[in-house]
Amino acid sequence: MIERCAGVDGKNYPARPLRRDDLLHLVGRVHFLSHSDGLSVRQIVRHLEEEYGVRRSVGSVSAYLNAYRCIKCSGGQNGTPEHPEGPT
């Protein structure tokens, strides 16, 4: 579970930024859930919170799918933990 703290605006935010390794693992998990399990972005958000205790917004999950490309993503440039070699 990621520690949360209240921001000035009253919303909850991660207490500290994710480490690079944790972020890459999370991005890889998002791609895996999207491609292998065929989940929608909202279903991925729900699954991450229920199964891993990780709260992410729909916008951040969508950004993970668009900013980090894997083999199954068309025209991608960066690999993910599930597909470290990147696109071919």
C-alpha atoms as a PDB file:
ATOM      1  CA  MET A   1       0.000   0.000   0.000  1.00  0.00           C
ATOM      2  CA  ILE A   2       1.271   3.446  -0.890  1.00  0.00           C
ATOM      3  CA  GLU A   3       1.273   5.910   1.994  1.00  0.00           C
ATOM      4  CA  ARG A   4      -1.091   8.837   1.455  1.00  0.00           C
ATOM      5  CA  CYS A   5      -1.160  12.375   2.859  1.00  0.00           C
ATOM      6  CA  ALA A   6      -3.637  15.224   2.528  1.00  0.00           C
ATOM      7  CA  GLY A   7      -2.670  18.053   0.214  1.00  0.00           C
ATOM      8  CA  VAL A   8      -3.471  21.730   0.689  1.00  0.00           C
ATOM      9  CA  ASP A   9      -6.552  21.253  -1.502  1.00  0.00           C
ATOM     10  CA  GLY A  10      -7.881  18.471   0.764  1.00  0.00           C
ATOM     11  CA  LYS A  11      -7.208  15.680  -1.742  1.00  0.00           C
ATOM     12  CA  ASN A  12      -5.075  12.641  -0.891  1.00  0.00           C
ATOM     13  CA  TYR A  13      -1.717  12.297  -2.600  1.00  0.00           C
ATOM     14  CA  PRO A  14       1.164   9.819  -2.303  1.00  0.00           C
ATOM     15  CA  ALA A  15       3.320  10.747   0.716  1.00  0.00           C
ATOM     16  CA  ARG A  16       6.427  10.501  -1.443  1.00  0.00           C
ATOM     17  CA  PRO A  17       7.097  10.012  -5.156  1.00  0.00           C
ATOM     18  CA  LEU A  18       7.317   6.450  -6.436  1.00  0.00           C
ATOM     19  CA  ARG A  19      10.810   5.094  -6.930  1.00  0.00           C
ATOM     20  CA  ARG A  20      11.704   4.468 -10.564  1.00  0.00           C
ATOM     21  CA  ASP A  21      11.598   0.685 -10.076  1.00  0.00           C
ATOM     22  CA  ASP A  22       8.156   0.875  -8.477  1.00  0.00           C
ATOM     23  CA  LEU A  23       6.879   3.145 -11.243  1.00  0.00           C
ATOM     24  CA  LEU A  24       8.170   0.830 -13.972  1.00  0.00           C
ATOM     25  CA  HIS A  25       6.587  -2.152 -12.258  1.00  0.00           C
ATOM     26  CA  LEU A  26       3.286  -0.277 -12.001  1.00  0.00           C
ATOM     27  CA  VAL A  27       3.437   0.772 -15.667  1.00  0.00           C
ATOM     28  CA  GLY A  28       4.179  -2.813 -16.654  1.00  0.00           C
ATOM     29  CA  ARG A  29       1.264  -4.073 -14.578  1.00  0.00           C
ATOM     30  CA  VAL A  30      -1.057  -1.515 -16.222  1.00  0.00           C
ATOM     31  CA  HIS A  31       0.027  -2.661 -19.702  1.00  0.00           C
ATOM     32  CA  PHE A  32      -0.362  -6.306 -18.719  1.00  0.00           C
ATOM     33  CA  LEU A  33      -3.888  -5.725 -17.405  1.00  0.00           C
ATOM     34  CA  SER A  34      -4.798  -3.767 -20.516  1.00  0.00           C
ATOM     35  CA  HIS A  35      -3.369  -6.120 -23.135  1.00  0.00           C
ATOM     36  CA  SER A  36      -3.559  -9.586 -21.569  1.00  0.00           C
ATOM     37  CA  ASP A  37      -6.723  -9.232 -19.513  1.00  0.00           C
ATOM     38  CA  GLY A  38      -8.405  -6.738 -21.841  1.00  0.00           C
ATOM     39  CA  LEU A  39      -9.462  -4.409 -19.006  1.00  0.00           C
ATOM     40  CA  SER A  40     -10.626  -0.846 -19.595  1.00  0.00           C
ATOM     41  CA  VAL A  41      -8.830   2.060 -17.907  1.00  0.00           C
ATOM     42  CA  ARG A  42     -11.506   2.315 -15.208  1.00  0.00           C
ATOM     43  CA  GLN A  43     -11.342  -1.443 -14.600  1.00  0.00           C
ATOM     44  CA  ILE A  44      -7.550  -1.200 -14.288  1.00  0.00           C
ATOM     45  CA  VAL A  45      -7.894   1.618 -11.720  1.00  0.00           C
ATOM     46  CA  ARG A  46     -10.330  -0.514  -9.702  1.00  0.00           C
ATOM     47  CA  HIS A  47      -8.146  -3.641  -9.999  1.00  0.00           C
ATOM     48  CA  LEU A  48      -4.984  -1.811  -8.860  1.00  0.00           C
ATOM     49  CA  GLU A  49      -6.746  -0.511  -5.770  1.00  0.00           C
ATOM     50  CA  GLU A  50      -8.492  -3.773  -4.871  1.00  0.00           C
ATOM     51  CA  GLU A  51      -5.634  -6.189  -5.575  1.00  0.00           C
ATOM     52  CA  TYR A  52      -2.506  -4.111  -4.869  1.00  0.00           C
ATOM     53  CA  GLY A  53      -3.724  -1.251  -2.663  1.00  0.00           C
ATOM     54  CA  VAL A  54      -2.442   1.274  -5.210  1.00  0.00           C
ATOM     55  CA  ARG A  55      -4.683   4.251  -5.921  1.00  0.00           C
ATOM     56  CA  ARG A  56      -4.215   5.910  -9.272  1.00  0.00           C
ATOM     57  CA  SER A  57      -6.474   8.246 -11.198  1.00  0.00           C
ATOM     58  CA  VAL A  58      -7.999   7.393 -14.554  1.00  0.00           C
ATOM     59  CA  GLY A  59      -5.782  10.105 -16.056  1.00  0.00           C
ATOM     60  CA  SER A  60      -2.548   8.641 -14.677  1.00  0.00           C
ATOM     61  CA  VAL A  61      -3.419   5.110 -15.853  1.00  0.00           C
ATOM     62  CA  SER A  62      -4.272   6.496 -19.272  1.00  0.00           C
ATOM     63  CA  ALA A  63      -0.960   8.367 -19.309  1.00  0.00           C
ATOM     64  CA  TYR A  64       0.909   5.146 -18.406  1.00  0.00           C
ATOM     65  CA  LEU A  65      -0.686   3.445 -21.395  1.00  0.00           C
ATOM     66  CA  ASN A  66       0.126   6.325 -23.753  1.00  0.00           C
ATOM     67  CA  ALA A  67       3.524   7.535 -22.518  1.00  0.00           C
ATOM     68  CA  TYR A  68       5.169   4.129 -22.047  1.00  0.00           C
ATOM     69  CA  ARG A  69       4.893   1.841 -25.049  1.00  0.00           C
ATOM     70  CA  CYS A  70       5.343  -1.911 -25.091  1.00  0.00           C
ATOM     71  CA  ILE A  71       5.501  -4.447 -27.916  1.00  0.00           C
ATOM     72  CA  LYS A  72       1.727  -4.711 -28.049  1.00  0.00           C
ATOM     73  CA  CYS A  73       1.337  -0.944 -28.292  1.00  0.00           C
ATOM     74  CA  SER A  74       1.590   0.255 -31.867  1.00  0.00           C
ATOM     75  CA  GLY A  75       4.543   2.471 -32.718  1.00  0.00           C
ATOM     76  CA  GLY A  76       5.957   2.504 -29.188  1.00  0.00           C
ATOM     77  CA  GLN A  77       9.448   3.579 -28.210  1.00  0.00           C
ATOM     78  CA  ASN A  78       9.945   2.412 -24.616  1.00  0.00           C
ATOM     79  CA  GLY A  79       9.786  -1.049 -23.095  1.00  0.00           C
ATOM     80  CA  THR A  80       8.018  -2.013 -19.876  1.00  0.00           C
ATOM     81  CA  PRO A  81       8.874  -4.685 -17.285  1.00  0.00           C
ATOM     82  CA  GLU A  82       6.528  -7.153 -18.986  1.00  0.00           C
ATOM     83  CA  HIS A  83       8.064  -6.331 -22.390  1.00  0.00           C
ATOM     84  CA  PRO A  84      11.579  -5.004 -21.592  1.00  0.00           C
ATOM     85  CA  GLU A  85      12.928  -5.286 -25.122  1.00  0.00           C
ATOM     86  CA  GLY A  86      10.538  -2.609 -26.384  1.00  0.00           C
ATOM     87  CA  PRO A  87       8.922  -2.673 -29.809  1.00  0.00           C
ATOM     88  CA  THR A  88      10.464  -4.528 -32.708  1.00  0.00           C
END
